[in-house]
Amino acid sequence: MPTPDRFKRSPLAMAVLGILHLEPMHPYAIQRRIKEWGKDKVVNVGQRAQLYKTIARLQDAGLVTVRATGRDQQYPERTVYEITDTGRAACTAWITDMLAVPRNEFPEFPAALSFLMLLGPDGAREELERRLKALRAGHAELETGIAQAVRFGLPRVTMLEDEYQRAVTEAEIRWLEGVVADLADGTLTWSWESLAQFQDQGPTGG
C-alpha cells in the first residue's frame, strides 16, 4: 500500500487535494470545480477515469478518505471524499516544493526540436509557422480570459497561472518569430552533407 512519503505526486493529485482542502466532494464535482475555475488549462482532468484512479491512489496513501456514499436520481452512487490531516500536510508540501524547485519536466516540444533537422529547413519552417499561428491564437484567448477575470473583480492570486502562461507564450512567440525569420532568409539552414561530419560527435564535439 502506498504511503504519503512514497506517493508519486502529480498536478492532478495536487489539484484534487487542493479542491478537497476547501470542502468534501464527489469526483464529478471535483472535475466540474476544476473546470469552472479554469484550472483545466494547467491540470489534465479531461479523463474522468484518470481522476478516479488518482483519487483511489490518494485514498490508499491515506491522503483522502470516504466521507459518505449516497444515491440520487441522476447518479446511481456518489462517493463523497474528504481530505485527511495527512493529505493537508502533503498538499502544502507539494505546493511548496513545486513552486520553489525547478525541474526538467521533459515536455514534447524541446524533444521534437532536438530532431528538427530531420524535416529539412523548409519542412521545419512550415511546422514552426503552424505552431506560431496556434500560439498567437492561444495568447489571444489568454488575454481575453484575463481581461474578463479582471472585469469580474477576481483576486489576482487566482489568475497567476494565466499570467504565467501568458508570459511563457509571449516569450515562445518572440523566439519562434526569430527562428522562422532565420529559416526564411537562410541564416539558419543545413543539409545532410553538412550534418554528416558531426554524426559521430556528441554535443561537445567528443
Protein backbone atom coordinates (compact mmCIF):
# COMPACT_ATOMS: atom_id res chain seq x y z
CA MET A 1 0.00 0.00 0.00
CA PRO A 2 1.38 3.45 -0.93
CA THR A 3 2.44 5.76 1.88
CA PRO A 4 2.40 9.59 1.81
CA ASP A 5 6.19 9.87 1.61
CA ARG A 6 6.32 7.43 -1.33
CA PHE A 7 3.26 8.75 -3.18
CA LYS A 8 4.19 9.84 -6.70
CA ARG A 9 2.64 13.27 -6.83
CA SER A 10 1.15 14.79 -9.97
CA PRO A 11 -0.56 18.07 -10.88
CA LEU A 12 -3.91 16.24 -10.86
CA ALA A 13 -3.31 14.73 -7.41
CA MET A 14 -2.28 18.14 -6.09
CA ALA A 15 -5.41 19.72 -7.61
CA VAL A 16 -7.67 17.08 -6.04
CA LEU A 17 -6.17 17.71 -2.61
CA GLY A 18 -6.43 21.45 -3.19
CA ILE A 19 -10.13 21.20 -4.03
CA LEU A 20 -10.86 18.87 -1.11
CA HIS A 21 -8.91 21.23 1.13
CA LEU A 22 -11.90 23.57 0.82
CA GLU A 23 -14.76 21.09 1.21
CA PRO A 24 -15.65 17.40 0.77
CA MET A 25 -16.80 16.48 -2.75
CA HIS A 26 -17.56 13.57 -5.04
CA PRO A 27 -15.34 13.03 -8.13
CA TYR A 28 -17.77 14.57 -10.63
CA ALA A 29 -17.98 17.74 -8.56
CA ILE A 30 -14.18 17.85 -8.27
CA GLN A 31 -13.83 17.64 -12.05
CA ARG A 32 -16.51 20.29 -12.55
CA ARG A 33 -14.93 22.63 -10.00
CA ILE A 34 -11.51 22.35 -11.65
CA LYS A 35 -13.08 23.27 -15.00
CA GLU A 36 -15.22 26.06 -13.54
CA TRP A 37 -12.14 27.65 -12.02
CA GLY A 38 -10.24 27.32 -15.30
CA LYS A 39 -7.63 25.07 -13.73
CA ASP A 40 -8.11 22.52 -16.52
CA LYS A 41 -5.74 24.71 -18.56
CA VAL A 42 -2.87 23.62 -16.32
CA VAL A 43 -4.21 20.33 -14.90
CA ASN A 44 -5.27 17.47 -17.18
CA VAL A 45 -8.70 16.50 -15.88
CA GLY A 46 -10.27 15.57 -19.22
CA GLN A 47 -10.46 11.84 -18.50
CA ARG A 48 -12.70 11.03 -15.54
CA ALA A 49 -11.22 7.52 -15.37
CA GLN A 50 -7.82 9.05 -14.60
CA LEU A 51 -9.42 11.21 -11.93
CA TYR A 52 -10.94 8.14 -10.25
CA LYS A 53 -7.57 6.34 -10.38
CA THR A 54 -5.86 9.33 -8.80
CA ILE A 55 -8.44 9.52 -6.02
CA ALA A 56 -8.06 5.80 -5.38
CA ARG A 57 -4.29 6.23 -5.06
CA LEU A 58 -4.76 9.16 -2.71
CA GLN A 59 -7.13 7.06 -0.61
CA ASP A 60 -4.70 4.12 -0.49
CA ALA A 61 -2.00 6.52 0.71
CA GLY A 62 -4.24 7.88 3.45
CA LEU A 63 -4.40 11.37 1.95
CA VAL A 64 -8.17 11.30 1.38
CA THR A 65 -10.93 9.24 2.91
CA VAL A 66 -14.59 8.49 2.21
CA ARG A 67 -16.93 10.94 3.89
CA ALA A 68 -20.22 9.43 2.72
CA THR A 69 -21.85 7.40 -0.04
CA GLY A 70 -25.27 8.32 -1.37
CA ARG A 71 -27.64 7.85 -4.27
CA ASP A 72 -29.90 10.13 -6.26
CA GLN A 73 -31.92 10.01 -9.49
CA GLN A 74 -29.13 11.22 -11.77
CA TYR A 75 -26.28 9.13 -10.39
CA PRO A 76 -26.59 5.56 -9.08
CA GLU A 77 -23.92 6.19 -6.45
CA ARG A 78 -21.91 9.17 -5.28
CA THR A 79 -18.95 8.69 -3.01
CA VAL A 80 -18.01 11.90 -1.26
CA TYR A 81 -14.34 12.22 -0.33
CA GLU A 82 -12.66 14.47 2.20
CA ILE A 83 -9.03 15.32 2.78
CA THR A 84 -7.23 13.92 5.82
CA ASP A 85 -4.80 15.79 8.04
CA THR A 86 -2.02 13.87 6.33
CA GLY A 87 -3.44 14.96 3.00
CA ARG A 88 -3.45 18.62 4.05
CA ALA A 89 0.19 18.38 5.06
CA ALA A 90 1.10 16.61 1.81
CA CYS A 91 -0.77 19.20 -0.27
CA THR A 92 1.11 22.06 1.38
CA ALA A 93 4.44 20.26 0.99
CA TRP A 94 3.80 19.53 -2.70
CA ILE A 95 2.81 23.12 -3.48
CA THR A 96 5.86 24.45 -1.63
CA ASP A 97 8.26 22.14 -3.45
CA MET A 98 6.62 22.57 -6.89
CA LEU A 99 6.83 26.36 -6.54
CA ALA A 100 10.38 26.57 -5.23
CA VAL A 101 12.30 23.84 -7.06
CA PRO A 102 12.64 24.00 -10.89
CA ARG A 103 12.55 20.59 -12.55
CA ASN A 104 13.12 19.30 -16.05
CA GLU A 105 9.66 18.02 -16.91
CA PHE A 106 10.64 16.72 -20.38
CA PRO A 107 7.91 18.41 -22.47
CA GLU A 108 7.38 17.29 -26.06
CA PHE A 109 8.35 20.49 -27.88
CA PRO A 110 12.05 20.62 -26.86
CA ALA A 111 12.30 16.89 -27.60
CA ALA A 112 10.97 17.49 -31.12
CA LEU A 113 13.32 20.47 -31.56
CA SER A 114 16.27 18.20 -30.83
CA PHE A 115 15.43 16.27 -34.04
CA LEU A 116 14.17 19.22 -36.09
CA MET A 117 16.94 18.67 -38.65
CA LEU A 118 15.15 15.55 -39.92
CA LEU A 119 12.45 17.73 -41.51
CA GLY A 120 14.87 19.87 -43.51
CA PRO A 121 14.83 23.69 -43.43
CA ASP A 122 11.65 24.08 -45.49
CA GLY A 123 9.71 21.45 -43.54
CA ALA A 124 10.90 22.86 -40.23
CA ARG A 125 9.85 26.36 -41.20
CA GLU A 126 6.38 25.16 -42.24
CA GLU A 127 5.71 23.34 -38.98
CA LEU A 128 7.10 26.14 -36.81
CA GLU A 129 4.90 28.63 -38.63
CA ARG A 130 1.90 26.41 -37.82
CA ARG A 131 2.92 26.38 -34.17
CA LEU A 132 3.40 30.14 -34.22
CA LYS A 133 -0.12 30.63 -35.56
CA ALA A 134 -1.56 28.38 -32.85
CA LEU A 135 0.39 30.16 -30.12
CA ARG A 136 -0.84 33.55 -31.25
CA ALA A 137 -4.42 32.29 -31.12
CA GLY A 138 -3.84 30.83 -27.66
CA HIS A 139 -2.29 34.07 -26.49
CA ALA A 140 -5.35 36.00 -27.64
CA GLU A 141 -7.58 33.62 -25.64
CA LEU A 142 -5.42 34.10 -22.56
CA GLU A 143 -5.65 37.87 -22.90
CA THR A 144 -9.42 37.68 -23.22
CA GLY A 145 -9.73 35.40 -20.20
CA ILE A 146 -7.53 37.59 -18.02
CA ALA A 147 -9.42 40.72 -19.07
CA GLN A 148 -12.74 39.08 -18.21
CA ALA A 149 -11.45 37.95 -14.83
CA VAL A 150 -10.28 41.48 -14.08
CA ARG A 151 -13.71 42.87 -15.03
CA PHE A 152 -15.36 40.34 -12.72
CA GLY A 153 -13.12 41.55 -9.91
CA LEU A 154 -11.40 38.22 -9.28
CA PRO A 155 -8.38 38.44 -6.98
CA ARG A 156 -5.10 38.44 -8.89
CA VAL A 157 -3.83 35.44 -6.93
CA THR A 158 -6.49 33.30 -8.65
CA MET A 159 -5.10 34.24 -12.07
CA LEU A 160 -1.36 33.80 -11.54
CA GLU A 161 -1.20 30.64 -13.63
CA ASP A 162 -2.82 32.54 -16.51
CA GLU A 163 -0.29 35.36 -16.12
CA TYR A 164 2.50 32.79 -16.17
CA GLN A 165 1.10 31.05 -19.24
CA ARG A 166 0.79 34.41 -20.99
CA ALA A 167 4.40 35.34 -20.19
CA VAL A 168 5.72 31.96 -21.34
CA THR A 169 3.63 32.09 -24.51
CA GLU A 170 4.84 35.61 -25.31
CA ALA A 171 8.46 34.52 -24.84
CA GLU A 172 7.99 31.48 -27.07
CA ILE A 173 6.29 33.58 -29.76
CA ARG A 174 9.22 36.02 -29.81
CA TRP A 175 11.72 33.18 -30.01
CA LEU A 176 9.80 31.36 -32.75
CA GLU A 177 9.46 34.54 -34.79
CA GLY A 178 13.24 34.86 -34.76
CA VAL A 179 13.82 31.23 -35.74
CA VAL A 180 11.24 31.36 -38.53
CA ALA A 181 12.79 34.59 -39.84
CA ASP A 182 16.24 32.96 -39.85
CA LEU A 183 14.85 29.95 -41.72
CA ALA A 184 13.15 32.25 -44.22
CA ASP A 185 16.26 34.26 -45.08
CA GLY A 186 18.64 31.31 -44.99
CA THR A 187 20.53 32.38 -41.90
CA LEU A 188 19.51 29.06 -40.36
CA THR A 189 19.94 26.20 -42.78
CA TRP A 190 21.54 22.76 -43.05
CA SER A 191 21.91 19.78 -45.32
CA TRP A 192 22.61 16.11 -44.82
CA GLU A 193 26.10 16.72 -46.13
CA SER A 194 26.77 19.48 -43.60
CA LEU A 195 25.42 17.32 -40.77
CA ALA A 196 27.25 14.14 -41.77
CA GLN A 197 30.57 15.32 -40.37
CA PHE A 198 29.01 15.62 -36.91
CA GLN A 199 27.08 12.33 -36.84
CA ASP A 200 29.67 10.58 -34.69
CA GLN A 201 30.20 13.51 -32.34
CA GLY A 202 28.27 14.46 -29.24
CA PRO A 203 27.07 17.97 -28.37
CA THR A 204 30.54 18.87 -27.06
CA GLY A 205 32.29 17.52 -30.12
CA GLY A 206 33.65 14.47 -28.32
